Amino acid sequence: MPAVAVIGLAGLALRVLGARGDLWLDEIWSLVQLEPLTSIDQIFWRINHDNNHFLNSIYLYLVGADASPLLQRGLSIALG
C-alpha cells in the first residue's frame, strides 16, 4: 500500500507543478463568460457555449477572477 501512496503523491506533485503559470486561452474564455453573471444559477441558463462546463464554471464563479491561477485550477488539480 505505501507504493500506491507514493505514486499518488508523485502524481499530485506533477499536477501542481504543471498547473503553475498564466491561464490558457480556454480558461480565460471561461472567466470572460462568467463576468456578466450575477448568480450561480445563471451559469445553467445564460451561457450557451460548449466551453461552459457546469462544475468548472461554478467553481470559477465561487473562486473569482482575482484568484491566483493555481487556485483557479484547483478543481482540475483535485479531480485529476
PDB file of N, CA and C in Angstrom:
ATOM      1  N   MET A   1       0.807  -1.203   0.000  1.00  0.00           N
ATOM      2  CA  MET A   1       0.000   0.000   0.000  1.00  0.00           C
ATOM      3  C   MET A   1       0.853   1.270   0.000  1.00  0.00           C
ATOM      4  N   PRO A   2       2.017   1.311   0.622  1.00  0.00           N
ATOM      5  CA  PRO A   2       2.826   2.535   0.588  1.00  0.00           C
ATOM      6  C   PRO A   2       3.244   2.921  -0.835  1.00  0.00           C
ATOM      7  N   ALA A   3       3.434   1.957  -1.717  1.00  0.00           N
ATOM      8  CA  ALA A   3       3.820   2.279  -3.086  1.00  0.00           C
ATOM      9  C   ALA A   3       2.697   3.050  -3.789  1.00  0.00           C
ATOM     10  N   VAL A   4       1.468   2.687  -3.514  1.00  0.00           N
ATOM     11  CA  VAL A   4       0.334   3.391  -4.113  1.00  0.00           C
ATOM     12  C   VAL A   4       0.291   4.838  -3.612  1.00  0.00           C
ATOM     13  N   ALA A   5       0.553   5.035  -2.344  1.00  0.00           N
ATOM     14  CA  ALA A   5       0.573   6.385  -1.774  1.00  0.00           C
ATOM     15  C   ALA A   5       1.693   7.219  -2.382  1.00  0.00           C
ATOM     16  N   VAL A   6       2.849   6.628  -2.571  1.00  0.00           N
ATOM     17  CA  VAL A   6       3.977   7.343  -3.180  1.00  0.00           C
ATOM     18  C   VAL A   6       3.648   7.734  -4.611  1.00  0.00           C
ATOM     19  N   ILE A   7       3.049   6.818  -5.357  1.00  0.00           N
ATOM     20  CA  ILE A   7       2.663   7.113  -6.746  1.00  0.00           C
ATOM     21  C   ILE A   7       1.601   8.205  -6.778  1.00  0.00           C
ATOM     22  N   GLY A   8       0.640   8.139  -5.869  1.00  0.00           N
ATOM     23  CA  GLY A   8      -0.401   9.170  -5.796  1.00  0.00           C
ATOM     24  C   GLY A   8       0.166  10.540  -5.466  1.00  0.00           C
ATOM     25  N   LEU A   9       1.079  10.603  -4.513  1.00  0.00           N
ATOM     26  CA  LEU A   9       1.708  11.875  -4.149  1.00  0.00           C
ATOM     27  C   LEU A   9       2.579  12.413  -5.285  1.00  0.00           C
ATOM     28  N   ALA A  10       3.269  11.518  -5.979  1.00  0.00           N
ATOM     29  CA  ALA A  10       4.073  11.946  -7.125  1.00  0.00           C
ATOM     30  C   ALA A  10       3.172  12.513  -8.225  1.00  0.00           C
ATOM     31  N   GLY A  11       2.041  11.884  -8.456  1.00  0.00           N
ATOM     32  CA  GLY A  11       1.089  12.385  -9.445  1.00  0.00           C
ATOM     33  C   GLY A  11       0.529  13.742  -9.052  1.00  0.00           C
ATOM     34  N   LEU A  12       0.219  13.919  -7.769  1.00  0.00           N
ATOM     35  CA  LEU A  12      -0.271  15.208  -7.283  1.00  0.00           C
ATOM     36  C   LEU A  12       0.789  16.287  -7.456  1.00  0.00           C
ATOM     37  N   ALA A  13       2.022  15.957  -7.110  1.00  0.00           N
ATOM     38  CA  ALA A  13       3.113  16.923  -7.264  1.00  0.00           C
ATOM     39  C   ALA A  13       3.288  17.326  -8.724  1.00  0.00           C
ATOM     40  N   LEU A  14       3.201  16.378  -9.630  1.00  0.00           N
ATOM     41  CA  LEU A  14       3.329  16.690 -11.054  1.00  0.00           C
ATOM     42  C   LEU A  14       2.168  17.552 -11.545  1.00  0.00           C
ATOM     43  N   ARG A  15       0.947  17.275 -11.054  1.00  0.00           N
ATOM     44  CA  ARG A  15      -0.203  18.095 -11.449  1.00  0.00           C
ATOM     45  C   ARG A  15      -0.057  19.524 -10.956  1.00  0.00           C
ATOM     46  N   VAL A  16       0.394  19.693  -9.719  1.00  0.00           N
ATOM     47  CA  VAL A  16       0.572  21.043  -9.172  1.00  0.00           C
ATOM     48  C   VAL A  16       1.670  21.783  -9.926  1.00  0.00           C
ATOM     49  N   LEU A  17       2.774  21.110 -10.204  1.00  0.00           N
ATOM     50  CA  LEU A  17       3.852  21.754 -10.965  1.00  0.00           C
ATOM     51  C   LEU A  17       3.392  22.131 -12.371  1.00  0.00           C
ATOM     52  N   GLY A  18       2.594  21.297 -12.985  1.00  0.00           N
ATOM     53  CA  GLY A  18       2.096  21.579 -14.325  1.00  0.00           C
ATOM     54  C   GLY A  18       1.029  22.659 -14.360  1.00  0.00           C
ATOM     55  N   ALA A  19       0.406  22.950 -13.224  1.00  0.00           N
ATOM     56  CA  ALA A  19      -0.672  23.931 -13.168  1.00  0.00           C
ATOM     57  C   ALA A  19      -0.173  25.345 -12.890  1.00  0.00           C
ATOM     58  N   ARG A  20       1.115  25.503 -12.702  1.00  0.00           N
ATOM     59  CA  ARG A  20       1.648  26.841 -12.452  1.00  0.00           C
ATOM     60  C   ARG A  20       1.664  27.642 -13.744  1.00  0.00           C
ATOM     61  N   GLY A  21       1.744  28.931 -13.627  1.00  0.00           N
ATOM     62  CA  GLY A  21       1.844  29.794 -14.804  1.00  0.00           C
ATOM     63  C   GLY A  21       0.534  30.481 -15.134  1.00  0.00           C
ATOM     64  N   ASP A  22       0.562  31.234 -16.217  1.00  0.00           N
ATOM     65  CA  ASP A  22      -0.598  32.005 -16.641  1.00  0.00           C
ATOM     66  C   ASP A  22      -1.721  31.091 -17.131  1.00  0.00           C
ATOM     67  N   LEU A  23      -2.919  31.658 -17.157  1.00  0.00           N
ATOM     68  CA  LEU A  23      -4.073  30.914 -17.652  1.00  0.00           C
ATOM     69  C   LEU A  23      -3.984  30.739 -19.163  1.00  0.00           C
ATOM     70  N   TRP A  24      -4.543  29.660 -19.654  1.00  0.00           N
ATOM     71  CA  TRP A  24      -4.593  29.397 -21.086  1.00  0.00           C
ATOM     72  C   TRP A  24      -5.837  30.064 -21.654  1.00  0.00           C
ATOM     73  N   LEU A  25      -5.918  30.111 -22.977  1.00  0.00           N
ATOM     74  CA  LEU A  25      -6.998  30.823 -23.652  1.00  0.00           C
ATOM     75  C   LEU A  25      -8.378  30.310 -23.244  1.00  0.00           C
ATOM     76  N   ASP A  26      -8.571  29.005 -23.179  1.00  0.00           N
ATOM     77  CA  ASP A  26      -9.893  28.484 -22.812  1.00  0.00           C
ATOM     78  C   ASP A  26     -10.257  28.798 -21.369  1.00  0.00           C
ATOM     79  N   GLU A  27      -9.265  28.882 -20.497  1.00  0.00           N
ATOM     80  CA  GLU A  27      -9.530  29.236 -19.102  1.00  0.00           C
ATOM     81  C   GLU A  27      -9.933  30.708 -18.996  1.00  0.00           C
ATOM     82  N   ILE A  28      -9.268  31.556 -19.742  1.00  0.00           N
ATOM     83  CA  ILE A  28      -9.626  32.978 -19.762  1.00  0.00           C
ATOM     84  C   ILE A  28     -11.019  33.149 -20.356  1.00  0.00           C
ATOM     85  N   TRP A  29     -11.301  32.403 -21.394  1.00  0.00           N
ATOM     86  CA  TRP A  29     -12.602  32.468 -22.049  1.00  0.00           C
ATOM     87  C   TRP A  29     -13.717  32.098 -21.067  1.00  0.00           C
ATOM     88  N   SER A  30     -13.489  31.097 -20.256  1.00  0.00           N
ATOM     89  CA  SER A  30     -14.482  30.713 -19.243  1.00  0.00           C
ATOM     90  C   SER A  30     -14.724  31.853 -18.257  1.00  0.00           C
ATOM     91  N   LEU A  31     -13.660  32.525 -17.838  1.00  0.00           N
ATOM     92  CA  LEU A  31     -13.808  33.639 -16.906  1.00  0.00           C
ATOM     93  C   LEU A  31     -14.540  34.812 -17.551  1.00  0.00           C
ATOM     94  N   VAL A  32     -14.277  35.060 -18.822  1.00  0.00           N
ATOM     95  CA  VAL A  32     -14.970  36.143 -19.531  1.00  0.00           C
ATOM     96  C   VAL A  32     -16.466  35.850 -19.618  1.00  0.00           C
ATOM     97  N   GLN A  33     -16.827  34.607 -19.846  1.00  0.00           N
ATOM     98  CA  GLN A  33     -18.244  34.244 -19.911  1.00  0.00           C
ATOM     99  C   GLN A  33     -18.934  34.395 -18.563  1.00  0.00           C
ATOM    100  N   LEU A  34     -18.191  34.231 -17.481  1.00  0.00           N
ATOM    101  CA  LEU A  34     -18.771  34.338 -16.143  1.00  0.00           C
ATOM    102  C   LEU A  34     -18.892  35.781 -15.665  1.00  0.00           C
ATOM    103  N   GLU A  35     -18.146  36.677 -16.274  1.00  0.00           N
ATOM    104  CA  GLU A  35     -18.072  38.062 -15.806  1.00  0.00           C
ATOM    105  C   GLU A  35     -19.430  38.755 -15.677  1.00  0.00           C
ATOM    106  N   PRO A  36     -20.330  38.676 -16.659  1.00  0.00           N
ATOM    107  CA  PRO A  36     -21.596  39.413 -16.523  1.00  0.00           C
ATOM    108  C   PRO A  36     -22.638  38.755 -15.614  1.00  0.00           C
ATOM    109  N   LEU A  37     -22.378  37.564 -15.141  1.00  0.00           N
ATOM    110  CA  LEU A  37     -23.363  36.843 -14.328  1.00  0.00           C
ATOM    111  C   LEU A  37     -23.454  37.424 -12.927  1.00  0.00           C
ATOM    112  N   THR A  38     -24.658  37.382 -12.358  1.00  0.00           N
ATOM    113  CA  THR A  38     -24.864  37.899 -11.008  1.00  0.00           C
ATOM    114  C   THR A  38     -25.209  36.812  -9.994  1.00  0.00           C
ATOM    115  N   SER A  39     -25.456  35.580 -10.476  1.00  0.00           N
ATOM    116  CA  SER A  39     -25.723  34.469  -9.559  1.00  0.00           C
ATOM    117  C   SER A  39     -25.313  33.153 -10.210  1.00  0.00           C
ATOM    118  N   ILE A  40     -25.127  32.155  -9.384  1.00  0.00           N
ATOM    119  CA  ILE A  40     -24.637  30.860  -9.866  1.00  0.00           C
ATOM    120  C   ILE A  40     -25.638  30.201 -10.817  1.00  0.00           C
ATOM    121  N   ASP A  41     -26.924  30.344 -10.562  1.00  0.00           N
ATOM    122  CA  ASP A  41     -27.902  29.660 -11.416  1.00  0.00           C
ATOM    123  C   ASP A  41     -27.870  30.150 -12.866  1.00  0.00           C
ATOM    124  N   GLN A  42     -27.358  31.333 -13.103  1.00  0.00           N
ATOM    125  CA  GLN A  42     -27.254  31.852 -14.466  1.00  0.00           C
ATOM    126  C   GLN A  42     -26.241  31.081 -15.303  1.00  0.00           C
ATOM    127  N   ILE A  43     -25.360  30.341 -14.658  1.00  0.00           N
ATOM    128  CA  ILE A  43     -24.403  29.502 -15.381  1.00  0.00           C
ATOM    129  C   ILE A  43     -25.153  28.483 -16.235  1.00  0.00           C
ATOM    130  N   PHE A  44     -26.265  27.993 -15.740  1.00  0.00           N
ATOM    131  CA  PHE A  44     -27.036  26.981 -16.460  1.00  0.00           C
ATOM    132  C   PHE A  44     -27.909  27.568 -17.562  1.00  0.00           C
ATOM    133  N   TRP A  45     -28.326  28.816 -17.432  1.00  0.00           N
ATOM    134  CA  TRP A  45     -29.330  29.368 -18.326  1.00  0.00           C
ATOM    135  C   TRP A  45     -28.816  30.475 -19.243  1.00  0.00           C
ATOM    136  N   ARG A  46     -27.755  31.188 -18.869  1.00  0.00           N
ATOM    137  CA  ARG A  46     -27.321  32.331 -19.670  1.00  0.00           C
ATOM    138  C   ARG A  46     -26.104  32.057 -20.538  1.00  0.00           C
ATOM    139  N   ILE A  47     -25.326  31.047 -20.207  1.00  0.00           N
ATOM    140  CA  ILE A  47     -24.141  30.734 -21.014  1.00  0.00           C
ATOM    141  C   ILE A  47     -24.488  29.574 -21.934  1.00  0.00           C
ATOM    142  N   ASN A  48     -24.577  29.866 -23.204  1.00  0.00           N
ATOM    143  CA  ASN A  48     -24.891  28.838 -24.186  1.00  0.00           C
ATOM    144  C   ASN A  48     -23.669  28.636 -25.080  1.00  0.00           C
ATOM    145  N   HIS A  49     -22.685  27.939 -24.533  1.00  0.00           N
ATOM    146  CA  HIS A  49     -21.438  27.731 -25.260  1.00  0.00           C
ATOM    147  C   HIS A  49     -20.828  26.408 -24.840  1.00  0.00           C
ATOM    148  N   ASP A  50     -20.130  25.762 -25.763  1.00  0.00           N
ATOM    149  CA  ASP A  50     -19.540  24.462 -25.445  1.00  0.00           C
ATOM    150  C   ASP A  50     -18.355  24.554 -24.495  1.00  0.00           C
ATOM    151  N   ASN A  51     -17.833  25.754 -24.256  1.00  0.00           N
ATOM    152  CA  ASN A  51     -16.737  25.919 -23.306  1.00  0.00           C
ATOM    153  C   ASN A  51     -17.258  26.013 -21.865  1.00  0.00           C
ATOM    154  N   ASN A  52     -18.572  26.061 -21.689  1.00  0.00           N
ATOM    155  CA  ASN A  52     -19.173  26.148 -20.365  1.00  0.00           C
ATOM    156  C   ASN A  52     -19.370  24.746 -19.791  1.00  0.00           C
ATOM    157  N   HIS A  53     -18.470  24.335 -18.934  1.00  0.00           N
ATOM    158  CA  HIS A  53     -18.607  23.074 -18.210  1.00  0.00           C
ATOM    159  C   HIS A  53     -19.151  23.435 -16.830  1.00  0.00           C
ATOM    160  N   PHE A  54     -20.354  22.979 -16.531  1.00  0.00           N
ATOM    161  CA  PHE A  54     -21.078  23.467 -15.366  1.00  0.00           C
ATOM    162  C   PHE A  54     -20.279  23.417 -14.071  1.00  0.00           C
ATOM    163  N   LEU A  55     -19.700  22.277 -13.749  1.00  0.00           N
ATOM    164  CA  LEU A  55     -18.978  22.136 -12.484  1.00  0.00           C
ATOM    165  C   LEU A  55     -17.781  23.080 -12.421  1.00  0.00           C
ATOM    166  N   ASN A  56     -17.019  23.156 -13.503  1.00  0.00           N
ATOM    167  CA  ASN A  56     -15.869  24.050 -13.539  1.00  0.00           C
ATOM    168  C   ASN A  56     -16.310  25.509 -13.487  1.00  0.00           C
ATOM    169  N   SER A  57     -17.382  25.850 -14.185  1.00  0.00           N
ATOM    170  CA  SER A  57     -17.872  27.229 -14.177  1.00  0.00           C
ATOM    171  C   SER A  57     -18.359  27.637 -12.790  1.00  0.00           C
ATOM    172  N   ILE A  58     -19.021  26.737 -12.090  1.00  0.00           N
ATOM    173  CA  ILE A  58     -19.456  27.034 -10.724  1.00  0.00           C
ATOM    174  C   ILE A  58     -18.247  27.262  -9.830  1.00  0.00           C
ATOM    175  N   TYR A  59     -17.248  26.401  -9.950  1.00  0.00           N
ATOM    176  CA  TYR A  59     -16.035  26.559  -9.154  1.00  0.00           C
ATOM    177  C   TYR A  59     -15.363  27.903  -9.443  1.00  0.00           C
ATOM    178  N   LEU A  60     -15.210  28.238 -10.727  1.00  0.00           N
ATOM    179  CA  LEU A  60     -14.575  29.512 -11.090  1.00  0.00           C
ATOM    180  C   LEU A  60     -15.396  30.697 -10.589  1.00  0.00           C
ATOM    181  N   TYR A  61     -16.708  30.592 -10.638  1.00  0.00           N
ATOM    182  CA  TYR A  61     -17.567  31.660 -10.149  1.00  0.00           C
ATOM    183  C   TYR A  61     -17.343  31.875  -8.649  1.00  0.00           C
ATOM    184  N   LEU A  62     -17.250  30.787  -7.896  1.00  0.00           N
ATOM    185  CA  LEU A  62     -17.057  30.884  -6.449  1.00  0.00           C
ATOM    186  C   LEU A  62     -15.660  31.376  -6.085  1.00  0.00           C
ATOM    187  N   VAL A  63     -14.653  30.939  -6.833  1.00  0.00           N
ATOM    188  CA  VAL A  63     -13.273  31.341  -6.546  1.00  0.00           C
ATOM    189  C   VAL A  63     -13.044  32.791  -6.957  1.00  0.00           C
ATOM    190  N   GLY A  64     -13.573  33.159  -8.112  1.00  0.00           N
ATOM    191  CA  GLY A  64     -13.460  34.533  -8.585  1.00  0.00           C
ATOM    192  C   GLY A  64     -12.317  34.726  -9.566  1.00  0.00           C
ATOM    193  N   ALA A  65     -12.436  35.783 -10.346  1.00  0.00           N
ATOM    194  CA  ALA A  65     -11.450  36.079 -11.386  1.00  0.00           C
ATOM    195  C   ALA A  65     -10.152  36.634 -10.813  1.00  0.00           C
ATOM    196  N   ASP A  66     -10.178  37.126  -9.577  1.00  0.00           N
ATOM    197  CA  ASP A  66      -8.986  37.714  -8.978  1.00  0.00           C
ATOM    198  C   ASP A  66      -8.111  36.699  -8.250  1.00  0.00           C
ATOM    199  N   ALA A  67      -8.537  35.460  -8.185  1.00  0.00           N
ATOM    200  CA  ALA A  67      -7.758  34.418  -7.504  1.00  0.00           C
ATOM    201  C   ALA A  67      -6.521  34.063  -8.323  1.00  0.00           C
ATOM    202  N   SER A  68      -5.571  33.454  -7.684  1.00  0.00           N
ATOM    203  CA  SER A  68      -4.356  33.048  -8.392  1.00  0.00           C
ATOM    204  C   SER A  68      -4.681  31.937  -9.401  1.00  0.00           C
ATOM    205  N   PRO A  69      -3.914  31.855 -10.479  1.00  0.00           N
ATOM    206  CA  PRO A  69      -4.170  30.792 -11.462  1.00  0.00           C
ATOM    207  C   PRO A  69      -4.125  29.389 -10.851  1.00  0.00           C
ATOM    208  N   LEU A  70      -3.252  29.179  -9.887  1.00  0.00           N
ATOM    209  CA  LEU A  70      -3.168  27.861  -9.259  1.00  0.00           C
ATOM    210  C   LEU A  70      -4.468  27.542  -8.515  1.00  0.00           C
ATOM    211  N   LEU A  71      -5.044  28.521  -7.836  1.00  0.00           N
ATOM    212  CA  LEU A  71      -6.312  28.315  -7.135  1.00  0.00           C
ATOM    213  C   LEU A  71      -7.446  28.134  -8.144  1.00  0.00           C
ATOM    214  N   GLN A  72      -7.436  28.867  -9.234  1.00  0.00           N
ATOM    215  CA  GLN A  72      -8.468  28.715 -10.253  1.00  0.00           C
ATOM    216  C   GLN A  72      -8.417  27.338 -10.894  1.00  0.00           C
ATOM    217  N   ARG A  73      -7.272  26.723 -10.912  1.00  0.00           N
ATOM    218  CA  ARG A  73      -7.135  25.371 -11.444  1.00  0.00           C
ATOM    219  C   ARG A  73      -7.285  24.305 -10.363  1.00  0.00           C
ATOM    220  N   GLY A  74      -7.654  24.708  -9.168  1.00  0.00           N
ATOM    221  CA  GLY A  74      -7.750  23.801  -8.027  1.00  0.00           C
ATOM    222  C   GLY A  74      -8.679  22.615  -8.262  1.00  0.00           C
ATOM    223  N   LEU A  75      -9.812  22.849  -8.887  1.00  0.00           N
ATOM    224  CA  LEU A  75     -10.747  21.757  -9.158  1.00  0.00           C
ATOM    225  C   LEU A  75     -10.129  20.750 -10.124  1.00  0.00           C
ATOM    226  N   SER A  76      -9.482  21.240 -11.155  1.00  0.00           N
ATOM    227  CA  SER A  76      -8.823  20.345 -12.122  1.00  0.00           C
ATOM    228  C   SER A  76      -7.710  19.552 -11.453  1.00  0.00           C
ATOM    229  N   ILE A  77      -6.980  20.197 -10.566  1.00  0.00           N
ATOM    230  CA  ILE A  77      -5.903  19.509  -9.851  1.00  0.00           C
ATOM    231  C   ILE A  77      -6.485  18.422  -8.943  1.00  0.00           C
ATOM    232  N   ALA A  78      -7.524  18.780  -8.211  1.00  0.00           N
ATOM    233  CA  ALA A  78      -8.123  17.828  -7.277  1.00  0.00           C
ATOM    234  C   ALA A  78      -8.771  16.639  -7.980  1.00  0.00           C
ATOM    235  N   LEU A  79      -9.406  16.891  -9.098  1.00  0.00           N
ATOM    236  CA  LEU A  79     -10.099  15.806  -9.796  1.00  0.00           C
ATOM    237  C   LEU A  79      -9.214  15.091 -10.795  1.00  0.00           C
ATOM    238  N   GLY A  80      -8.013  15.608 -10.997  1.00  0.00           N
ATOM    239  CA  GLY A  80      -7.076  14.966 -11.928  1.00  0.00           C
ATOM    240  C   GLY A  80      -6.543  13.709 -11.336  1.00  0.00           C
TER     241      GLY A  80
END
